[in-house]
Amino acid sequence: MKKIVSLSMVLVLMISISSLAIADDAGVNPEDDLEFDVETENGENETGAPEGNETEEPDGNESEIDDDTEEEIEIMNNTLGAEIRLLQLEKAITKNLLKGERAVAVLQAMGYNTSRLETILDEMRLVLEEVQAANASANDSVQQFVDLKSDAKKLTTEFRETIKELLSDEKIKELKEQIKEIVGEGLQNYSKKIQNRIKQFNRNQIHRLYGIIGVTNESLIEAYQNGNITMEEAKSQISKMVNMMTKEKKNQIFLELKKEKINKKDYADGEIGDAMLDFGEREQNRSQNRSDKAKNENGNGNGKGPHNGK
């Protein structure tokens, strides 16, 4: 019985350590939402990924922010975390602009009218400019992230639905094959920037964790920083350190980690509440501003391509 209790405590501590706000390099969801997927019989798309939740319901009523966005916000309580999320969103939109441009070029070669798709891409470029101009250290950085991610999701849904109106399922599959390999130097630069900042962020988090458990292991941090071990391996080694401690110390660490987790959730909930205030009004203002800007730029004969990095 004693062994079972001890094992349970170790498992709880490992889960608590894993739940500490750690940045990952999986990116922000719009990167997947911009695929032009054909739905299968079970309602999932070809990639097996479920459709993302919209920030507004079809009837225009505001809804809660989706779980993915809420989790993404949890690391945005400092400038570095906010910078990571904004960079990931920037990379996602850039990648999808490249895919969208490739799709338009293919469709034009096939003789399709792509004027509506081009208009959507024009607006998406303006969203990208706003993401690039967002200030990660500003008090409203979370609101900017929520707003611009929502705009990107809606535009990509509109692009995808427009493609579906033009093409049969079979043609969509052919189109996907022609645009699926989008890498490019610009996207690689984004990946490097994001990975470097993630390493810096996670290094800071390990230091915070060391402060909670009362030990220091610089060699572990250096091994992670140099790429010799993954973040999961680092967390596993820290869990083993904790497992060697007394029951009283484990309980103390558990309570501290639990407090951290609650604070992280409270922060995200508070930011989400603030972000949803006047959400619809802000969305209308952004849409109008972009529409005016697009008209001015088109009147001046300006054309744009995607921004491949800062």
Protein backbone atom coordinates (compact mmCIF):
# COMPACT_ATOMS: atom_id res chain seq x y z
CA MET A 1 0.00 0.00 0.00
CA LYS A 2 2.85 2.35 0.87
CA LYS A 3 4.45 1.67 -2.52
CA ILE A 4 1.19 2.46 -4.30
CA VAL A 5 0.83 5.79 -2.48
CA SER A 6 4.47 6.62 -3.22
CA LEU A 7 4.05 5.75 -6.90
CA SER A 8 0.89 7.85 -7.08
CA MET A 9 2.74 10.84 -5.65
CA VAL A 10 5.54 10.41 -8.20
CA LEU A 11 3.01 10.28 -11.04
CA VAL A 12 1.21 13.37 -9.76
CA LEU A 13 4.50 15.24 -9.51
CA MET A 14 5.53 14.19 -13.02
CA ILE A 15 2.21 15.40 -14.40
CA SER A 16 2.52 18.65 -12.45
CA ILE A 17 6.06 19.23 -13.74
CA SER A 18 4.90 18.51 -17.29
CA SER A 19 2.02 20.96 -16.93
CA LEU A 20 4.33 23.86 -16.05
CA ALA A 21 4.04 26.49 -18.80
CA ILE A 22 6.47 25.12 -21.38
CA ALA A 23 6.59 26.46 -24.91
CA ASP A 24 6.40 23.99 -27.79
CA ASP A 25 7.27 24.27 -31.45
CA ALA A 26 4.04 22.76 -32.76
CA GLY A 27 2.90 26.16 -33.95
CA VAL A 28 -0.46 27.90 -33.88
CA ASN A 29 -3.56 26.23 -35.28
CA PRO A 30 -4.26 28.43 -38.30
CA GLU A 31 -1.37 26.67 -40.04
CA ASP A 32 -3.54 23.56 -40.29
CA ASP A 33 -6.83 25.37 -40.78
CA LEU A 34 -5.63 26.75 -44.09
CA GLU A 35 -5.47 23.32 -45.71
CA PHE A 36 -8.01 22.76 -48.49
CA ASP A 37 -9.34 19.52 -47.09
CA VAL A 38 -11.99 17.18 -48.43
CA GLU A 39 -14.25 15.91 -45.66
CA THR A 40 -14.52 12.16 -45.20
CA GLU A 41 -17.61 10.25 -44.12
CA ASN A 42 -16.81 10.59 -40.41
CA GLY A 43 -16.74 14.39 -40.63
CA GLU A 44 -12.98 14.70 -40.33
CA ASN A 45 -10.80 16.14 -43.04
CA GLU A 46 -8.23 14.23 -45.04
CA THR A 47 -5.45 15.01 -42.58
CA GLY A 48 -7.52 13.57 -39.72
CA ALA A 49 -7.60 16.92 -37.95
CA PRO A 50 -10.99 18.14 -36.68
CA GLU A 51 -12.27 21.46 -37.93
CA GLY A 52 -11.25 24.39 -35.71
CA ASN A 53 -13.79 26.25 -33.59
CA GLU A 54 -14.76 29.68 -34.81
CA THR A 55 -14.63 32.67 -32.50
CA GLU A 56 -18.19 33.53 -33.57
CA GLU A 57 -21.11 31.24 -34.24
CA PRO A 58 -22.72 31.28 -37.74
CA ASP A 59 -25.54 33.52 -36.49
CA GLY A 60 -23.03 36.16 -35.45
CA ASN A 61 -23.18 35.55 -31.72
CA GLU A 62 -19.86 35.50 -29.91
CA SER A 63 -18.73 32.18 -28.46
CA GLU A 64 -15.97 31.13 -26.14
CA ILE A 65 -12.43 30.95 -27.44
CA ASP A 66 -11.44 27.42 -28.47
CA ASP A 67 -9.32 25.25 -26.18
CA ASP A 68 -6.23 25.42 -28.41
CA THR A 69 -6.17 29.22 -28.27
CA GLU A 70 -6.68 29.17 -24.51
CA GLU A 71 -3.68 26.87 -24.10
CA GLU A 72 -1.60 29.07 -26.42
CA ILE A 73 -2.40 32.12 -24.31
CA GLU A 74 -1.09 30.50 -21.12
CA ILE A 75 2.55 31.31 -21.93
CA MET A 76 1.80 34.88 -23.00
CA ASN A 77 2.14 36.33 -19.49
CA ASN A 78 5.60 37.57 -20.41
CA THR A 79 7.07 39.25 -23.47
CA LEU A 80 9.03 36.22 -24.66
CA GLY A 81 5.97 33.96 -24.53
CA ALA A 82 3.89 36.54 -26.40
CA GLU A 83 6.63 36.90 -29.01
CA ILE A 84 6.68 33.13 -29.58
CA ARG A 85 2.92 32.96 -30.18
CA LEU A 86 2.90 35.98 -32.50
CA LEU A 87 5.82 34.55 -34.48
CA GLN A 88 4.07 31.19 -34.77
CA LEU A 89 0.94 32.92 -36.02
CA GLU A 90 3.00 34.95 -38.48
CA LYS A 91 4.66 31.83 -39.82
CA ALA A 92 1.30 30.05 -40.14
CA ILE A 93 -0.27 32.88 -42.13
CA THR A 94 2.82 33.21 -44.35
CA LYS A 95 2.80 29.50 -45.12
CA ASN A 96 -0.86 29.61 -46.00
CA LEU A 97 -0.43 32.65 -48.19
CA LEU A 98 2.19 30.71 -50.14
CA LYS A 99 -0.21 27.78 -50.44
CA GLY A 100 -3.02 30.08 -51.46
CA GLU A 101 -0.93 31.76 -54.14
CA ARG A 102 0.14 28.38 -55.49
CA ALA A 103 -3.51 27.26 -55.56
CA VAL A 104 -4.57 30.42 -57.41
CA ALA A 105 -1.80 29.96 -59.99
CA VAL A 106 -2.85 26.35 -60.61
CA LEU A 107 -6.52 27.30 -60.92
CA GLN A 108 -5.74 30.15 -63.31
CA ALA A 109 -3.79 27.74 -65.50
CA MET A 110 -6.89 25.51 -65.52
CA GLY A 111 -9.03 28.43 -66.68
CA TYR A 112 -10.93 29.14 -63.45
CA ASN A 113 -11.99 32.62 -62.31
CA THR A 114 -9.93 33.25 -59.15
CA SER A 115 -10.94 36.85 -58.43
CA ARG A 116 -12.70 35.98 -55.14
CA LEU A 117 -9.73 33.89 -53.97
CA GLU A 118 -7.33 36.72 -54.80
CA THR A 119 -9.44 39.16 -52.78
CA ILE A 120 -9.27 36.83 -49.77
CA LEU A 121 -5.49 36.57 -50.12
CA ASP A 122 -5.22 40.36 -50.30
CA GLU A 123 -7.02 40.65 -46.98
CA MET A 124 -4.90 37.89 -45.49
CA ARG A 125 -1.76 39.86 -46.41
CA LEU A 126 -3.13 42.80 -44.47
CA VAL A 127 -3.73 40.51 -41.47
CA LEU A 128 -0.12 39.35 -41.79
CA GLU A 129 1.09 42.97 -41.71
CA GLU A 130 -0.89 43.55 -38.53
CA VAL A 131 0.61 40.45 -36.90
CA GLN A 132 4.09 41.66 -37.83
CA ALA A 133 3.32 45.07 -36.35
CA ALA A 134 1.90 43.64 -33.09
CA ASN A 135 3.88 44.55 -29.97
CA ALA A 136 4.66 41.48 -27.85
CA SER A 137 5.42 43.65 -24.81
CA ALA A 138 2.16 45.62 -25.00
CA ASN A 139 -0.55 45.10 -22.39
CA ASP A 140 -3.00 44.10 -25.12
CA SER A 141 -0.73 41.57 -26.86
CA VAL A 142 -3.10 38.70 -25.99
CA GLN A 143 -6.07 40.62 -27.40
CA GLN A 144 -4.12 41.30 -30.59
CA PHE A 145 -3.23 37.61 -30.85
CA VAL A 146 -6.83 36.48 -30.30
CA ASP A 147 -8.22 39.01 -32.79
CA LEU A 148 -5.72 38.32 -35.55
CA LYS A 149 -5.83 34.56 -35.16
CA SER A 150 -9.62 34.73 -35.40
CA ASP A 151 -9.37 36.82 -38.58
CA ALA A 152 -6.88 34.37 -40.10
CA LYS A 153 -9.12 31.40 -39.30
CA LYS A 154 -12.16 33.04 -40.87
CA LEU A 155 -10.31 34.02 -44.02
CA THR A 156 -8.88 30.54 -44.43
CA THR A 157 -12.31 29.00 -43.94
CA GLU A 158 -13.65 31.37 -46.60
CA PHE A 159 -10.78 30.46 -48.95
CA ARG A 160 -11.36 26.75 -48.41
CA GLU A 161 -15.12 27.04 -48.94
CA THR A 162 -14.60 29.06 -52.12
CA ILE A 163 -12.28 26.33 -53.44
CA LYS A 164 -14.98 23.74 -52.68
CA GLU A 165 -17.52 25.76 -54.68
CA LEU A 166 -15.18 25.77 -57.69
CA LEU A 167 -13.88 22.19 -57.68
CA SER A 168 -15.10 18.65 -57.27
CA ASP A 169 -13.66 16.51 -54.47
CA GLU A 170 -11.41 14.77 -56.99
CA LYS A 171 -10.05 18.07 -58.32
CA ILE A 172 -9.45 19.29 -54.75
CA LYS A 173 -7.34 16.20 -54.09
CA GLU A 174 -5.30 16.93 -57.21
CA LEU A 175 -4.86 20.54 -56.11
CA LYS A 176 -3.69 19.47 -52.65
CA GLU A 177 -1.01 17.30 -54.23
CA GLN A 178 0.31 20.26 -56.21
CA ILE A 179 0.53 22.66 -53.26
CA LYS A 180 1.39 20.42 -50.30
CA GLU A 181 5.17 20.90 -50.42
CA ILE A 182 5.59 24.49 -49.29
CA VAL A 183 8.84 25.16 -47.44
CA GLY A 184 10.88 28.08 -48.71
CA GLU A 185 13.74 29.98 -47.12
CA GLY A 186 11.36 32.42 -45.42
CA LEU A 187 9.53 29.65 -43.57
CA GLN A 188 12.82 28.06 -42.53
CA ASN A 189 13.91 31.41 -41.10
CA TYR A 190 10.70 31.60 -39.09
CA SER A 191 11.30 28.09 -37.76
CA LYS A 192 14.81 28.99 -36.62
CA LYS A 193 13.62 32.17 -34.89
CA ILE A 194 10.81 30.35 -33.15
CA GLN A 195 12.99 27.44 -32.04
CA ASN A 196 15.62 29.80 -30.62
CA ARG A 197 13.03 31.71 -28.62
CA ILE A 198 11.40 28.51 -27.42
CA LYS A 199 14.74 27.26 -26.11
CA GLN A 200 15.27 30.55 -24.29
CA PHE A 201 11.75 30.45 -22.86
CA ASN A 202 12.04 26.85 -21.69
CA ARG A 203 15.46 27.51 -20.18
CA ASN A 204 13.85 30.25 -18.10
CA GLN A 205 11.08 27.85 -17.09
CA ILE A 206 13.57 25.21 -15.96
CA HIS A 207 15.27 27.84 -13.80
CA ARG A 208 11.85 28.65 -12.29
CA LEU A 209 11.28 24.95 -11.64
CA TYR A 210 14.68 24.67 -9.98
CA GLY A 211 13.64 27.50 -7.67
CA ILE A 212 10.53 25.53 -6.67
CA ILE A 213 12.28 22.21 -6.03
CA GLY A 214 15.37 23.82 -4.49
CA VAL A 215 18.07 22.27 -6.68
CA THR A 216 20.24 23.41 -9.56
CA ASN A 217 21.60 21.39 -12.44
CA GLU A 218 23.20 23.65 -15.01
CA SER A 219 24.49 20.68 -17.01
CA LEU A 220 20.89 19.63 -17.66
CA ILE A 221 19.98 23.12 -18.90
CA GLU A 222 23.08 23.23 -21.11
CA ALA A 223 22.26 19.79 -22.54
CA TYR A 224 18.78 21.02 -23.46
CA GLN A 225 20.08 24.33 -24.81
CA ASN A 226 22.64 22.54 -27.00
CA GLY A 227 20.05 20.15 -28.35
CA ASN A 228 21.56 17.06 -26.72
CA ILE A 229 18.30 16.24 -24.93
CA THR A 230 14.66 17.09 -25.60
CA MET A 231 12.42 19.05 -23.27
CA GLU A 232 10.57 15.85 -22.42
CA GLU A 233 13.84 14.20 -21.42
CA ALA A 234 14.75 17.23 -19.29
CA LYS A 235 11.40 17.09 -17.49
CA SER A 236 11.83 13.35 -16.95
CA GLN A 237 15.23 13.90 -15.32
CA ILE A 238 13.80 16.62 -13.09
CA SER A 239 11.01 14.24 -12.05
CA LYS A 240 13.65 11.69 -11.06
CA MET A 241 15.39 14.34 -8.91
CA VAL A 242 12.10 15.01 -7.14
CA ASN A 243 11.51 11.30 -6.64
CA MET A 244 14.70 11.13 -4.54
CA MET A 245 13.37 13.71 -2.07
CA THR A 246 11.48 13.22 1.18
CA LYS A 247 7.71 12.88 1.26
CA GLU A 248 7.40 16.28 2.93
CA LYS A 249 9.49 17.94 0.22
CA LYS A 250 7.46 16.24 -2.50
CA ASN A 251 4.24 17.53 -0.95
CA GLN A 252 5.69 21.04 -0.79
CA ILE A 253 6.74 20.89 -4.45
CA PHE A 254 3.36 19.49 -5.44
CA LEU A 255 1.54 22.39 -3.74
CA GLU A 256 3.82 24.95 -5.42
CA LEU A 257 3.32 23.38 -8.85
CA LYS A 258 -0.42 23.21 -8.27
CA LYS A 259 -0.42 26.92 -7.42
CA GLU A 260 1.56 27.64 -10.60
CA LYS A 261 -0.95 25.70 -12.66
CA ILE A 262 -3.92 27.52 -11.11
CA ASN A 263 -2.25 30.91 -11.64
CA LYS A 264 -1.54 30.01 -15.27
CA LYS A 265 -5.19 29.03 -15.85
CA ASP A 266 -6.48 32.12 -14.03
CA TYR A 267 -4.25 34.32 -16.18
CA ALA A 268 -5.54 32.75 -19.40
CA ASP A 269 -9.16 32.97 -18.25
CA GLY A 270 -8.76 36.63 -17.33
CA GLU A 271 -7.11 37.48 -20.65
CA ILE A 272 -9.81 35.62 -22.56
CA GLY A 273 -12.51 37.53 -20.71
CA ASP A 274 -10.84 40.83 -21.60
CA ALA A 275 -10.31 39.77 -25.21
CA MET A 276 -13.98 38.90 -25.68
CA LEU A 277 -15.17 42.33 -24.52
CA ASP A 278 -16.25 44.34 -27.59
CA PHE A 279 -14.86 41.56 -29.80
CA GLY A 280 -17.48 42.04 -32.50
CA GLU A 281 -16.99 45.81 -32.63
CA ARG A 282 -13.21 45.44 -32.95
CA GLU A 283 -13.69 42.86 -35.71
CA GLN A 284 -15.91 45.23 -37.70
CA ASN A 285 -13.41 48.07 -37.30
CA ARG A 286 -10.54 45.89 -38.49
CA SER A 287 -12.53 44.70 -41.48
CA GLN A 288 -13.45 48.24 -42.46
CA ASN A 289 -9.87 49.47 -42.04
CA ARG A 290 -8.53 46.68 -44.23
CA SER A 291 -11.20 47.28 -46.84
CA ASP A 292 -10.26 50.97 -47.00
CA LYS A 293 -6.56 50.15 -47.13
CA ALA A 294 -7.04 47.58 -49.91
CA LYS A 295 -9.01 50.10 -51.98
CA ASN A 296 -6.29 52.71 -51.56
CA GLU A 297 -3.52 50.28 -52.48
CA ASN A 298 -5.41 48.94 -55.49
CA GLY A 299 -6.05 52.50 -56.59
CA ASN A 300 -2.31 53.14 -56.48
CA GLY A 301 -1.58 49.96 -58.41
CA ASN A 302 0.32 48.28 -55.57
CA GLY A 303 0.65 44.53 -55.66
CA LYS A 304 1.88 42.37 -52.82
CA GLY A 305 3.26 38.94 -52.17
CA PRO A 306 3.59 37.14 -48.85
CA HIS A 307 6.18 38.35 -46.36
CA ASN A 308 8.76 35.63 -45.83
CA GLY A 309 10.13 36.70 -42.48
CA LYS A 310 10.94 39.97 -40.80
